[in-house]
């Protein structure tokens, strides 16, 4: 079973997303801040990290750097309300990383579709 880590400081949003992903068959863990995320990435070695870039307690860039440095097979969904992070998708794709950028708000179905796409094909 594929493992997903959701790094999102909005507990209501992360729980709704977790429930939707579990319902379609994924194992899902939640991290509300940078510290929790760092520990769970090292412990779980998730297949995909759904990453909010601006966290109340932490920085998504620190988490992204950890994934890039230590877990090159982990796919990334940059999930943020701030369009300025869109350039990260191109940078990651150039590094042959499976990745995507999703601008909040978005229907849950779109996130589920992106998870499935990343598990099957490379980011274009």
PDB file of N, CA and C in Angstrom:
ATOM      1  N   UNK A   1       0.843  -1.174   0.000  1.00  0.00           N
ATOM      2  CA  UNK A   1       0.000   0.000   0.000  1.00  0.00           C
ATOM      3  C   UNK A   1       0.896   1.248   0.000  1.00  0.00           C
ATOM      4  N   UNK A   2       0.570   2.210  -0.854  1.00  0.00           N
ATOM      5  CA  UNK A   2       1.351   3.436  -0.981  1.00  0.00           C
ATOM      6  C   UNK A   2       1.128   4.341   0.230  1.00  0.00           C
ATOM      7  N   UNK A   3       2.230   4.975   0.680  1.00  0.00           N
ATOM      8  CA  UNK A   3       2.189   5.831   1.867  1.00  0.00           C
ATOM      9  C   UNK A   3       2.257   7.300   1.455  1.00  0.00           C
ATOM     10  N   UNK A   4       1.372   8.085   2.055  1.00  0.00           N
ATOM     11  CA  UNK A   4       1.314   9.518   1.783  1.00  0.00           C
ATOM     12  C   UNK A   4       1.459  10.268   3.099  1.00  0.00           C
ATOM     13  N   UNK A   5       2.252  11.324   3.067  1.00  0.00           N
ATOM     14  CA  UNK A   5       2.362  12.237   4.201  1.00  0.00           C
ATOM     15  C   UNK A   5       1.785  13.573   3.780  1.00  0.00           C
ATOM     16  N   UNK A   6       0.822  14.058   4.543  1.00  0.00           N
ATOM     17  CA  UNK A   6       0.251  15.384   4.318  1.00  0.00           C
ATOM     18  C   UNK A   6       0.860  16.326   5.340  1.00  0.00           C
ATOM     19  N   UNK A   7       1.526  17.359   4.856  1.00  0.00           N
ATOM     20  CA  UNK A   7       2.110  18.382   5.726  1.00  0.00           C
ATOM     21  C   UNK A   7       1.283  19.644   5.527  1.00  0.00           C
ATOM     22  N   UNK A   8       0.408  19.903   6.474  1.00  0.00           N
ATOM     23  CA  UNK A   8      -0.567  20.990   6.361  1.00  0.00           C
ATOM     24  C   UNK A   8      -0.909  21.449   7.771  1.00  0.00           C
ATOM     25  N   UNK A   9      -0.791  22.763   8.036  1.00  0.00           N
ATOM     26  CA  UNK A   9      -1.062  23.256   9.388  1.00  0.00           C
ATOM     27  C   UNK A   9      -2.541  23.524   9.664  1.00  0.00           C
ATOM     28  N   UNK A  10      -3.385  23.406   8.670  1.00  0.00           N
ATOM     29  CA  UNK A  10      -4.823  23.514   8.871  1.00  0.00           C
ATOM     30  C   UNK A  10      -5.345  22.107   9.165  1.00  0.00           C
ATOM     31  N   UNK A  11      -5.603  21.818  10.428  1.00  0.00           N
ATOM     32  CA  UNK A  11      -5.975  20.459  10.818  1.00  0.00           C
ATOM     33  C   UNK A  11      -7.294  20.006  10.200  1.00  0.00           C
ATOM     34  N   UNK A  12      -8.232  20.923  10.012  1.00  0.00           N
ATOM     35  CA  UNK A  12      -9.514  20.569   9.383  1.00  0.00           C
ATOM     36  C   UNK A  12      -9.287  20.132   7.933  1.00  0.00           C
ATOM     37  N   UNK A  13      -8.532  20.917   7.191  1.00  0.00           N
ATOM     38  CA  UNK A  13      -8.244  20.596   5.792  1.00  0.00           C
ATOM     39  C   UNK A  13      -7.443  19.304   5.666  1.00  0.00           C
ATOM     40  N   UNK A  14      -6.430  19.134   6.504  1.00  0.00           N
ATOM     41  CA  UNK A  14      -5.604  17.931   6.407  1.00  0.00           C
ATOM     42  C   UNK A  14      -6.408  16.679   6.745  1.00  0.00           C
ATOM     43  N   UNK A  15      -7.319  16.764   7.678  1.00  0.00           N
ATOM     44  CA  UNK A  15      -8.134  15.601   8.053  1.00  0.00           C
ATOM     45  C   UNK A  15      -9.110  15.227   6.943  1.00  0.00           C
ATOM     46  N   UNK A  16      -9.711  16.210   6.301  1.00  0.00           N
ATOM     47  CA  UNK A  16     -10.611  15.934   5.178  1.00  0.00           C
ATOM     48  C   UNK A  16      -9.843  15.257   4.045  1.00  0.00           C
ATOM     49  N   UNK A  17      -8.670  15.767   3.748  1.00  0.00           N
ATOM     50  CA  UNK A  17      -7.839  15.198   2.697  1.00  0.00           C
ATOM     51  C   UNK A  17      -7.387  13.783   3.061  1.00  0.00           C
ATOM     52  N   UNK A  18      -6.997  13.591   4.323  1.00  0.00           N
ATOM     53  CA  UNK A  18      -6.595  12.258   4.786  1.00  0.00           C
ATOM     54  C   UNK A  18      -7.729  11.255   4.597  1.00  0.00           C
ATOM     55  N   UNK A  19      -8.911  11.620   5.034  1.00  0.00           N
ATOM     56  CA  UNK A  19     -10.058  10.710   4.917  1.00  0.00           C
ATOM     57  C   UNK A  19     -10.346  10.336   3.463  1.00  0.00           C
ATOM     58  N   UNK A  20     -10.253  11.319   2.572  1.00  0.00           N
ATOM     59  CA  UNK A  20     -10.516  11.059   1.149  1.00  0.00           C
ATOM     60  C   UNK A  20      -9.468  10.115   0.566  1.00  0.00           C
ATOM     61  N   UNK A  21      -8.211  10.299   0.929  1.00  0.00           N
ATOM     62  CA  UNK A  21      -7.143   9.446   0.404  1.00  0.00           C
ATOM     63  C   UNK A  21      -7.189   8.037   0.991  1.00  0.00           C
ATOM     64  N   UNK A  22      -7.534   7.920   2.256  1.00  0.00           N
ATOM     65  CA  UNK A  22      -7.688   6.602   2.881  1.00  0.00           C
ATOM     66  C   UNK A  22      -8.839   5.854   2.207  1.00  0.00           C
ATOM     67  N   UNK A  23      -9.895   6.565   1.911  1.00  0.00           N
ATOM     68  CA  UNK A  23     -11.069   5.952   1.282  1.00  0.00           C
ATOM     69  C   UNK A  23     -10.737   5.320  -0.072  1.00  0.00           C
ATOM     70  N   UNK A  24      -9.765   5.873  -0.800  1.00  0.00           N
ATOM     71  CA  UNK A  24      -9.397   5.297  -2.097  1.00  0.00           C
ATOM     72  C   UNK A  24      -8.223   4.331  -1.997  1.00  0.00           C
ATOM     73  N   UNK A  25      -7.767   4.044  -0.754  1.00  0.00           N
ATOM     74  CA  UNK A  25      -6.822   2.954  -0.576  1.00  0.00           C
ATOM     75  C   UNK A  25      -5.399   3.287  -0.189  1.00  0.00           C
ATOM     76  N   UNK A  26      -5.122   4.525   0.173  1.00  0.00           N
ATOM     77  CA  UNK A  26      -3.765   4.890   0.566  1.00  0.00           C
ATOM     78  C   UNK A  26      -3.610   4.878   2.089  1.00  0.00           C
ATOM     79  N   UNK A  27      -2.376   4.664   2.537  1.00  0.00           N
ATOM     80  CA  UNK A  27      -2.030   4.843   3.942  1.00  0.00           C
ATOM     81  C   UNK A  27      -1.586   6.292   4.090  1.00  0.00           C
ATOM     82  N   UNK A  28      -2.178   7.010   5.043  1.00  0.00           N
ATOM     83  CA  UNK A  28      -1.926   8.446   5.145  1.00  0.00           C
ATOM     84  C   UNK A  28      -1.579   8.838   6.580  1.00  0.00           C
ATOM     85  N   UNK A  29      -0.521   9.639   6.706  1.00  0.00           N
ATOM     86  CA  UNK A  29      -0.132  10.237   7.981  1.00  0.00           C
ATOM     87  C   UNK A  29      -0.203  11.748   7.839  1.00  0.00           C
ATOM     88  N   UNK A  30      -0.378  12.436   8.961  1.00  0.00           N
ATOM     89  CA  UNK A  30      -0.485  13.892   8.978  1.00  0.00           C
ATOM     90  C   UNK A  30       0.625  14.510   9.809  1.00  0.00           C
ATOM     91  N   UNK A  31       1.119  15.654   9.343  1.00  0.00           N
ATOM     92  CA  UNK A  31       2.054  16.469  10.119  1.00  0.00           C
ATOM     93  C   UNK A  31       1.543  17.904  10.061  1.00  0.00           C
ATOM     94  N   UNK A  32       1.441  18.523  11.225  1.00  0.00           N
ATOM     95  CA  UNK A  32       0.932  19.895  11.295  1.00  0.00           C
ATOM     96  C   UNK A  32       2.032  20.947  11.289  1.00  0.00           C
ATOM     97  N   UNK A  33       3.280  20.497  11.429  1.00  0.00           N
ATOM     98  CA  UNK A  33       4.375  21.465  11.475  1.00  0.00           C
ATOM     99  C   UNK A  33       5.664  20.839  10.940  1.00  0.00           C
ATOM    100  N   UNK A  34       6.676  21.657  10.835  1.00  0.00           N
ATOM    101  CA  UNK A  34       7.957  21.214  10.275  1.00  0.00           C
ATOM    102  C   UNK A  34       8.585  20.082  11.077  1.00  0.00           C
ATOM    103  N   UNK A  35       8.580  20.203  12.388  1.00  0.00           N
ATOM    104  CA  UNK A  35       9.217  19.184  13.236  1.00  0.00           C
ATOM    105  C   UNK A  35       8.545  17.818  13.064  1.00  0.00           C
ATOM    106  N   UNK A  36       7.222  17.789  13.111  1.00  0.00           N
ATOM    107  CA  UNK A  36       6.505  16.526  12.914  1.00  0.00           C
ATOM    108  C   UNK A  36       6.800  15.960  11.524  1.00  0.00           C
ATOM    109  N   UNK A  37       6.802  16.824  10.529  1.00  0.00           N
ATOM    110  CA  UNK A  37       7.038  16.377   9.152  1.00  0.00           C
ATOM    111  C   UNK A  37       8.415  15.741   9.005  1.00  0.00           C
ATOM    112  N   UNK A  38       9.439  16.368   9.559  1.00  0.00           N
ATOM    113  CA  UNK A  38      10.802  15.851   9.432  1.00  0.00           C
ATOM    114  C   UNK A  38      10.899  14.451  10.047  1.00  0.00           C
ATOM    115  N   UNK A  39      10.310  14.282  11.212  1.00  0.00           N
ATOM    116  CA  UNK A  39      10.346  12.977  11.871  1.00  0.00           C
ATOM    117  C   UNK A  39       9.581  11.914  11.092  1.00  0.00           C
ATOM    118  N   UNK A  40       8.416  12.266  10.581  1.00  0.00           N
ATOM    119  CA  UNK A  40       7.611  11.291   9.849  1.00  0.00           C
ATOM    120  C   UNK A  40       8.226  10.927   8.497  1.00  0.00           C
ATOM    121  N   UNK A  41       8.860  11.884   7.837  1.00  0.00           N
ATOM    122  CA  UNK A  41       9.516  11.573   6.560  1.00  0.00           C
ATOM    123  C   UNK A  41      10.618  10.547   6.791  1.00  0.00           C
ATOM    124  N   UNK A  42      11.421  10.753   7.826  1.00  0.00           N
ATOM    125  CA  UNK A  42      12.516   9.827   8.112  1.00  0.00           C
ATOM    126  C   UNK A  42      12.000   8.463   8.564  1.00  0.00           C
ATOM    127  N   UNK A  43      10.910   8.444   9.322  1.00  0.00           N
ATOM    128  CA  UNK A  43      10.357   7.186   9.829  1.00  0.00           C
ATOM    129  C   UNK A  43       9.594   6.413   8.750  1.00  0.00           C
ATOM    130  N   UNK A  44       8.726   7.103   8.014  1.00  0.00           N
ATOM    131  CA  UNK A  44       7.827   6.438   7.072  1.00  0.00           C
ATOM    132  C   UNK A  44       8.398   6.255   5.671  1.00  0.00           C
ATOM    133  N   UNK A  45       9.268   7.163   5.268  1.00  0.00           N
ATOM    134  CA  UNK A  45       9.756   7.183   3.883  1.00  0.00           C
ATOM    135  C   UNK A  45       8.561   7.101   2.925  1.00  0.00           C
ATOM    136  N   UNK A  46       7.708   8.140   2.957  1.00  0.00           N
ATOM    137  CA  UNK A  46       6.479   8.103   2.163  1.00  0.00           C
ATOM    138  C   UNK A  46       6.747   8.110   0.662  1.00  0.00           C
ATOM    139  N   UNK A  47       5.786   7.575  -0.084  1.00  0.00           N
ATOM    140  CA  UNK A  47       5.860   7.599  -1.539  1.00  0.00           C
ATOM    141  C   UNK A  47       5.587   9.005  -2.063  1.00  0.00           C
ATOM    142  N   UNK A  48       4.680   9.712  -1.397  1.00  0.00           N
ATOM    143  CA  UNK A  48       4.321  11.082  -1.782  1.00  0.00           C
ATOM    144  C   UNK A  48       4.207  11.937  -0.532  1.00  0.00           C
ATOM    145  N   UNK A  49       4.691  13.176  -0.650  1.00  0.00           N
ATOM    146  CA  UNK A  49       4.465  14.181   0.383  1.00  0.00           C
ATOM    147  C   UNK A  49       3.631  15.292  -0.240  1.00  0.00           C
ATOM    148  N   UNK A  50       2.485  15.566   0.360  1.00  0.00           N
ATOM    149  CA  UNK A  50       1.651  16.695  -0.026  1.00  0.00           C
ATOM    150  C   UNK A  50       2.047  17.818   0.918  1.00  0.00           C
ATOM    151  N   UNK A  51       2.700  18.839   0.374  1.00  0.00           N
ATOM    152  CA  UNK A  51       3.423  19.813   1.193  1.00  0.00           C
ATOM    153  C   UNK A  51       2.886  21.227   1.063  1.00  0.00           C
ATOM    154  N   UNK A  52       2.347  21.731   2.162  1.00  0.00           N
ATOM    155  CA  UNK A  52       2.011  23.149   2.269  1.00  0.00           C
ATOM    156  C   UNK A  52       3.332  23.897   2.491  1.00  0.00           C
ATOM    157  N   UNK A  53       3.554  24.969   1.773  1.00  0.00           N
ATOM    158  CA  UNK A  53       4.845  25.653   1.848  1.00  0.00           C
ATOM    159  C   UNK A  53       4.937  26.645   2.995  1.00  0.00           C
ATOM    160  N   UNK A  54       3.812  27.205   3.405  1.00  0.00           N
ATOM    161  CA  UNK A  54       3.829  28.167   4.511  1.00  0.00           C
ATOM    162  C   UNK A  54       3.091  27.562   5.697  1.00  0.00           C
ATOM    163  N   UNK A  55       3.878  27.156   6.655  1.00  0.00           N
ATOM    164  CA  UNK A  55       3.330  26.534   7.854  1.00  0.00           C
ATOM    165  C   UNK A  55       3.402  27.514   9.011  1.00  0.00           C
ATOM    166  N   UNK A  56       2.449  27.428   9.915  1.00  0.00           N
ATOM    167  CA  UNK A  56       2.460  28.309  11.084  1.00  0.00           C
ATOM    168  C   UNK A  56       3.720  28.082  11.923  1.00  0.00           C
ATOM    169  N   UNK A  57       4.120  26.816  12.062  1.00  0.00           N
ATOM    170  CA  UNK A  57       5.312  26.477  12.835  1.00  0.00           C
ATOM    171  C   UNK A  57       6.292  25.741  11.936  1.00  0.00           C
ATOM    172  N   UNK A  58       6.955  26.483  11.075  1.00  0.00           N
ATOM    173  CA  UNK A  58       7.958  25.883  10.220  1.00  0.00           C
ATOM    174  C   UNK A  58       7.917  26.403   8.802  1.00  0.00           C
ATOM    175  N   UNK A  59       8.784  25.844   8.002  1.00  0.00           N
ATOM    176  CA  UNK A  59       8.983  26.317   6.638  1.00  0.00           C
ATOM    177  C   UNK A  59       8.961  25.128   5.684  1.00  0.00           C
ATOM    178  N   UNK A  60       8.075  25.164   4.709  1.00  0.00           N
ATOM    179  CA  UNK A  60       7.994  24.091   3.729  1.00  0.00           C
ATOM    180  C   UNK A  60       9.271  23.918   2.929  1.00  0.00           C
ATOM    181  N   UNK A  61      10.038  24.990   2.726  1.00  0.00           N
ATOM    182  CA  UNK A  61      11.288  24.891   1.975  1.00  0.00           C
ATOM    183  C   UNK A  61      12.294  23.995   2.697  1.00  0.00           C
ATOM    184  N   UNK A  62      12.323  24.044   4.009  1.00  0.00           N
ATOM    185  CA  UNK A  62      13.232  23.183   4.784  1.00  0.00           C
ATOM    186  C   UNK A  62      12.851  21.719   4.561  1.00  0.00           C
ATOM    187  N   UNK A  63      11.569  21.448   4.577  1.00  0.00           N
ATOM    188  CA  UNK A  63      11.083  20.079   4.358  1.00  0.00           C
ATOM    189  C   UNK A  63      11.395  19.640   2.931  1.00  0.00           C
ATOM    190  N   UNK A  64      11.152  20.515   1.974  1.00  0.00           N
ATOM    191  CA  UNK A  64      11.443  20.209   0.575  1.00  0.00           C
ATOM    192  C   UNK A  64      12.924  19.903   0.374  1.00  0.00           C
ATOM    193  N   UNK A  65      13.787  20.682   0.999  1.00  0.00           N
ATOM    194  CA  UNK A  65      15.228  20.436   0.902  1.00  0.00           C
ATOM    195  C   UNK A  65      15.612  19.076   1.484  1.00  0.00           C
ATOM    196  N   UNK A  66      15.017  18.704   2.614  1.00  0.00           N
ATOM    197  CA  UNK A  66      15.281  17.392   3.223  1.00  0.00           C
ATOM    198  C   UNK A  66      14.881  16.269   2.263  1.00  0.00           C
ATOM    199  N   UNK A  67      13.696  16.399   1.672  1.00  0.00           N
ATOM    200  CA  UNK A  67      13.233  15.368   0.741  1.00  0.00           C
ATOM    201  C   UNK A  67      14.179  15.276  -0.453  1.00  0.00           C
ATOM    202  N   UNK A  68      14.525  16.422  -1.022  1.00  0.00           N
ATOM    203  CA  UNK A  68      15.403  16.424  -2.202  1.00  0.00           C
ATOM    204  C   UNK A  68      16.766  15.819  -1.903  1.00  0.00           C
ATOM    205  N   UNK A  69      17.282  16.116  -0.745  1.00  0.00           N
ATOM    206  CA  UNK A  69      18.628  15.649  -0.390  1.00  0.00           C
ATOM    207  C   UNK A  69      18.657  14.168  -0.027  1.00  0.00           C
ATOM    208  N   UNK A  70      17.696  13.728   0.762  1.00  0.00           N
ATOM    209  CA  UNK A  70      17.769  12.392   1.348  1.00  0.00           C
ATOM    210  C   UNK A  70      16.794  11.357   0.776  1.00  0.00           C
ATOM    211  N   UNK A  71      15.762  11.795   0.077  1.00  0.00           N
ATOM    212  CA  UNK A  71      14.725  10.872  -0.395  1.00  0.00           C
ATOM    213  C   UNK A  71      14.363  11.170  -1.853  1.00  0.00           C
ATOM    214  N   UNK A  72      15.276  10.908  -2.769  1.00  0.00           N
ATOM    215  CA  UNK A  72      15.055  11.278  -4.173  1.00  0.00           C
ATOM    216  C   UNK A  72      13.907  10.542  -4.857  1.00  0.00           C
ATOM    217  N   UNK A  73      13.445   9.449  -4.305  1.00  0.00           N
ATOM    218  CA  UNK A  73      12.328   8.723  -4.918  1.00  0.00           C
ATOM    219  C   UNK A  73      10.961   9.181  -4.415  1.00  0.00           C
ATOM    220  N   UNK A  74      10.952  10.061  -3.433  1.00  0.00           N
ATOM    221  CA  UNK A  74       9.693  10.567  -2.902  1.00  0.00           C
ATOM    222  C   UNK A  74       9.118  11.604  -3.852  1.00  0.00           C
ATOM    223  N   UNK A  75       7.862  11.400  -4.229  1.00  0.00           N
ATOM    224  CA  UNK A  75       7.169  12.355  -5.086  1.00  0.00           C
ATOM    225  C   UNK A  75       6.642  13.500  -4.230  1.00  0.00           C
ATOM    226  N   UNK A  76       6.444  14.653  -4.862  1.00  0.00           N
ATOM    227  CA  UNK A  76       6.068  15.844  -4.118  1.00  0.00           C
ATOM    228  C   UNK A  76       4.880  16.525  -4.786  1.00  0.00           C
ATOM    229  N   UNK A  77       3.895  16.874  -3.972  1.00  0.00           N
ATOM    230  CA  UNK A  77       2.831  17.765  -4.413  1.00  0.00           C
ATOM    231  C   UNK A  77       2.984  19.036  -3.588  1.00  0.00           C
ATOM    232  N   UNK A  78       3.352  20.109  -4.261  1.00  0.00           N
ATOM    233  CA  UNK A  78       3.438  21.413  -3.600  1.00  0.00           C
ATOM    234  C   UNK A  78       2.003  21.933  -3.558  1.00  0.00           C
ATOM    235  N   UNK A  79       1.458  22.027  -2.359  1.00  0.00           N
ATOM    236  CA  UNK A  79       0.041  22.326  -2.141  1.00  0.00           C
ATOM    237  C   UNK A  79      -0.042  23.591  -1.306  1.00  0.00           C
ATOM    238  N   UNK A  80      -0.268  24.714  -1.974  1.00  0.00           N
ATOM    239  CA  UNK A  80      -0.169  25.992  -1.291  1.00  0.00           C
ATOM    240  C   UNK A  80      -1.156  27.006  -1.852  1.00  0.00           C
ATOM    241  N   UNK A  81      -1.423  28.037  -1.101  1.00  0.00           N
ATOM    242  CA  UNK A  81      -2.278  29.137  -1.554  1.00  0.00           C
ATOM    243  C   UNK A  81      -1.452  30.259  -2.183  1.00  0.00           C
ATOM    244  N   UNK A  82      -0.159  30.071  -2.291  1.00  0.00           N
ATOM    245  CA  UNK A  82       0.740  31.132  -2.755  1.00  0.00           C
ATOM    246  C   UNK A  82       1.363  30.759  -4.096  1.00  0.00           C
ATOM    247  N   UNK A  83       0.938  31.451  -5.138  1.00  0.00           N
ATOM    248  CA  UNK A  83       1.352  31.124  -6.492  1.00  0.00           C
ATOM    249  C   UNK A  83       2.852  31.309  -6.724  1.00  0.00           C
ATOM    250  N   UNK A  84       3.520  32.075  -5.884  1.00  0.00           N
ATOM    251  CA  UNK A  84       4.959  32.303  -6.081  1.00  0.00           C
ATOM    252  C   UNK A  84       5.790  31.024  -5.987  1.00  0.00           C
ATOM    253  N   UNK A  85       5.219  29.963  -5.437  1.00  0.00           N
ATOM    254  CA  UNK A  85       5.945  28.693  -5.338  1.00  0.00           C
ATOM    255  C   UNK A  85       5.815  27.827  -6.593  1.00  0.00           C
ATOM    256  N   UNK A  86       5.053  28.281  -7.575  1.00  0.00           N
ATOM    257  CA  UNK A  86       4.831  27.493  -8.794  1.00  0.00           C
ATOM    258  C   UNK A  86       6.141  27.171  -9.513  1.00  0.00           C
ATOM    259  N   UNK A  87       7.113  28.061  -9.470  1.00  0.00           N
ATOM    260  CA  UNK A  87       8.400  27.820 -10.134  1.00  0.00           C
ATOM    261  C   UNK A  87       9.125  26.596  -9.579  1.00  0.00           C
ATOM    262  N   UNK A  88       8.818  26.196  -8.361  1.00  0.00           N
ATOM    263  CA  UNK A  88       9.448  25.009  -7.789  1.00  0.00           C
ATOM    264  C   UNK A  88       9.121  23.755  -8.591  1.00  0.00           C
ATOM    265  N   UNK A  89       7.933  23.697  -9.184  1.00  0.00           N
ATOM    266  CA  UNK A  89       7.564  22.527  -9.974  1.00  0.00           C
ATOM    267  C   UNK A  89       8.521  22.364 -11.152  1.00  0.00           C
ATOM    268  N   UNK A  90       8.805  23.450 -11.853  1.00  0.00           N
ATOM    269  CA  UNK A  90       9.729  23.379 -12.996  1.00  0.00           C
ATOM    270  C   UNK A  90      11.121  22.975 -12.551  1.00  0.00           C
ATOM    271  N   UNK A  91      11.567  23.543 -11.442  1.00  0.00           N
ATOM    272  CA  UNK A  91      12.899  23.212 -10.916  1.00  0.00           C
ATOM    273  C   UNK A  91      12.989  21.723 -10.578  1.00  0.00           C
ATOM    274  N   UNK A  92      11.991  21.212  -9.905  1.00  0.00           N
ATOM    275  CA  UNK A  92      11.992  19.804  -9.525  1.00  0.00           C
ATOM    276  C   UNK A  92      11.899  18.891 -10.749  1.00  0.00           C
ATOM    277  N   UNK A  93      11.104  19.277 -11.723  1.00  0.00           N
ATOM    278  CA  UNK A  93      10.980  18.470 -12.942  1.00  0.00           C
ATOM    279  C   UNK A  93      12.316  18.399 -13.678  1.00  0.00           C
ATOM    280  N   UNK A  94      13.063  19.498 -13.686  1.00  0.00           N
ATOM    281  CA  UNK A  94      14.384  19.506 -14.328  1.00  0.00           C
ATOM    282  C   UNK A  94      15.351  18.569 -13.621  1.00  0.00           C
ATOM    283  N   UNK A  95      15.106  18.324 -12.346  1.00  0.00           N
ATOM    284  CA  UNK A  95      15.930  17.398 -11.567  1.00  0.00           C
ATOM    285  C   UNK A  95      15.371  15.970 -11.642  1.00  0.00           C
ATOM    286  N   UNK A  96      14.463  15.749 -12.603  1.00  0.00           N
ATOM    287  CA  UNK A  96      13.835  14.440 -12.807  1.00  0.00           C
ATOM    288  C   UNK A  96      13.041  13.961 -11.600  1.00  0.00           C
ATOM    289  N   UNK A  97      12.455  14.896 -10.880  1.00  0.00           N
ATOM    290  CA  UNK A  97      11.616  14.560  -9.733  1.00  0.00           C
ATOM    291  C   UNK A  97      10.168  14.456 -10.184  1.00  0.00           C
ATOM    292  N   UNK A  98       9.449  13.483  -9.642  1.00  0.00           N
ATOM    293  CA  UNK A  98       8.015  13.407  -9.877  1.00  0.00           C
ATOM    294  C   UNK A  98       7.370  14.429  -8.958  1.00  0.00           C
ATOM    295  N   UNK A  99       6.669  15.382  -9.579  1.00  0.00           N
ATOM    296  CA  UNK A  99       6.168  16.501  -8.793  1.00  0.00           C
ATOM    297  C   UNK A  99       4.981  17.153  -9.478  1.00  0.00           C
ATOM    298  N   UNK A 100       4.289  17.982  -8.725  1.00  0.00           N
ATOM    299  CA  UNK A 100       3.231  18.819  -9.263  1.00  0.00           C
ATOM    300  C   UNK A 100       2.996  19.979  -8.315  1.00  0.00           C
ATOM    301  N   UNK A 101       2.277  20.969  -8.809  1.00  0.00           N
ATOM    302  CA  UNK A 101       1.932  22.148  -8.027  1.00  0.00           C
ATOM    303  C   UNK A 101       0.419  22.276  -8.054  1.00  0.00           C
ATOM    304  N   UNK A 102      -0.187  22.412  -6.885  1.00  0.00           N
ATOM    305  CA  UNK A 102      -1.633  22.617  -6.791  1.00  0.00           C
ATOM    306  C   UNK A 102      -1.868  23.871  -5.960  1.00  0.00           C
ATOM    307  N   UNK A 103      -2.593  24.803  -6.560  1.00  0.00           N
ATOM    308  CA  UNK A 103      -2.911  26.059  -5.892  1.00  0.00           C
ATOM    309  C   UNK A 103      -4.241  25.908  -5.150  1.00  0.00           C
ATOM    310  N   UNK A 104      -4.208  26.176  -3.842  1.00  0.00           N
ATOM    311  CA  UNK A 104      -5.429  26.123  -3.031  1.00  0.00           C
ATOM    312  C   UNK A 104      -6.309  27.320  -3.389  1.00  0.00           C
ATOM    313  N   UNK A 105      -7.598  27.197  -3.242  1.00  0.00           N
ATOM    314  CA  UNK A 105      -8.370  25.990  -2.927  1.00  0.00           C
ATOM    315  C   UNK A 105      -8.598  25.161  -4.183  1.00  0.00           C
ATOM    316  N   UNK A 106      -8.803  23.878  -3.994  1.00  0.00           N
ATOM    317  CA  UNK A 106      -9.018  22.963  -5.109  1.00  0.00           C
ATOM    318  C   UNK A 106      -9.895  21.814  -4.623  1.00  0.00           C
ATOM    319  N   UNK A 107     -10.720  21.258  -5.509  1.00  0.00           N
ATOM    320  CA  UNK A 107     -11.530  20.103  -5.089  1.00  0.00           C
ATOM    321  C   UNK A 107     -10.635  18.909  -4.697  1.00  0.00           C
ATOM    322  N   UNK A 108     -11.061  18.167  -3.715  1.00  0.00           N
ATOM    323  CA  UNK A 108     -10.320  17.003  -3.228  1.00  0.00           C
ATOM    324  C   UNK A 108     -10.047  16.019  -4.374  1.00  0.00           C
ATOM    325  N   UNK A 109     -10.995  15.881  -5.282  1.00  0.00           N
ATOM    326  CA  UNK A 109     -10.835  14.948  -6.400  1.00  0.00           C
ATOM    327  C   UNK A 109      -9.590  15.264  -7.226  1.00  0.00           C
ATOM    328  N   UNK A 110      -9.286  16.543  -7.380  1.00  0.00           N
ATOM    329  CA  UNK A 110      -8.095  16.925  -8.148  1.00  0.00           C
ATOM    330  C   UNK A 110      -6.817  16.450  -7.455  1.00  0.00           C
ATOM    331  N   UNK A 111      -6.781  16.533  -6.142  1.00  0.00           N
ATOM    332  CA  UNK A 111      -5.611  16.065  -5.400  1.00  0.00           C
ATOM    333  C   UNK A 111      -5.488  14.551  -5.517  1.00  0.00           C
ATOM    334  N   UNK A 112      -6.603  13.850  -5.383  1.00  0.00           N
ATOM    335  CA  UNK A 112      -6.587  12.394  -5.529  1.00  0.00           C
ATOM    336  C   UNK A 112      -6.087  12.002  -6.918  1.00  0.00           C
ATOM    337  N   UNK A 113      -6.550  12.712  -7.945  1.00  0.00           N
ATOM    338  CA  UNK A 113      -6.100  12.433  -9.312  1.00  0.00           C
ATOM    339  C   UNK A 113      -4.599  12.675  -9.465  1.00  0.00           C
ATOM    340  N   UNK A 114      -4.083  13.736  -8.860  1.00  0.00           N
ATOM    341  CA  UNK A 114      -2.647  14.030  -8.950  1.00  0.00           C
ATOM    342  C   UNK A 114      -1.818  12.975  -8.223  1.00  0.00           C
ATOM    343  N   UNK A 115      -2.307  12.501  -7.103  1.00  0.00           N
ATOM    344  CA  UNK A 115      -1.606  11.431  -6.379  1.00  0.00           C
ATOM    345  C   UNK A 115      -1.502  10.206  -7.284  1.00  0.00           C
ATOM    346  N   UNK A 116      -2.613   9.815  -7.891  1.00  0.00           N
ATOM    347  CA  UNK A 116      -2.598   8.663  -8.779  1.00  0.00           C
ATOM    348  C   UNK A 116      -1.678   8.870  -9.966  1.00  0.00           C
ATOM    349  N   UNK A 117      -1.693  10.057 -10.533  1.00  0.00           N
ATOM    350  CA  UNK A 117      -0.828  10.364 -11.681  1.00  0.00           C
ATOM    351  C   UNK A 117       0.635  10.286 -11.299  1.00  0.00           C
ATOM    352  N   UNK A 118       0.996  10.838 -10.164  1.00  0.00           N
ATOM    353  CA  UNK A 118       2.397  10.815  -9.736  1.00  0.00           C
ATOM    354  C   UNK A 118       2.883   9.405  -9.431  1.00  0.00           C
ATOM    355  N   UNK A 119       2.016   8.574  -8.984  1.00  0.00           N
ATOM    356  CA  UNK A 119       2.425   7.202  -8.699  1.00  0.00           C
ATOM    357  C   UNK A 119       2.593   6.374  -9.973  1.00  0.00           C
ATOM    358  N   UNK A 120       2.042   6.876 -11.081  1.00  0.00           N
ATOM    359  CA  UNK A 120       2.110   6.138 -12.343  1.00  0.00           C
ATOM    360  C   UNK A 120       3.032   6.730 -13.390  1.00  0.00           C
ATOM    361  N   UNK A 121       3.202   8.053 -13.416  1.00  0.00           N
ATOM    362  CA  UNK A 121       3.968   8.694 -14.484  1.00  0.00           C
ATOM    363  C   UNK A 121       4.852   9.795 -13.936  1.00  0.00           C
ATOM    364  N   UNK A 122       5.819  10.232 -14.741  1.00  0.00           N
ATOM    365  CA  UNK A 122       6.700  11.323 -14.305  1.00  0.00           C
ATOM    366  C   UNK A 122       6.033  12.663 -14.553  1.00  0.00           C
ATOM    367  N   UNK A 123       6.439  13.637 -13.790  1.00  0.00           N
ATOM    368  CA  UNK A 123       5.910  14.993 -13.875  1.00  0.00           C
ATOM    369  C   UNK A 123       6.368  15.643 -15.173  1.00  0.00           C
ATOM    370  N   UNK A 124       5.473  16.266 -15.872  1.00  0.00           N
ATOM    371  CA  UNK A 124       5.813  16.972 -17.118  1.00  0.00           C
ATOM    372  C   UNK A 124       5.711  18.462 -16.910  1.00  0.00           C
TER     373      UNK A 124
END
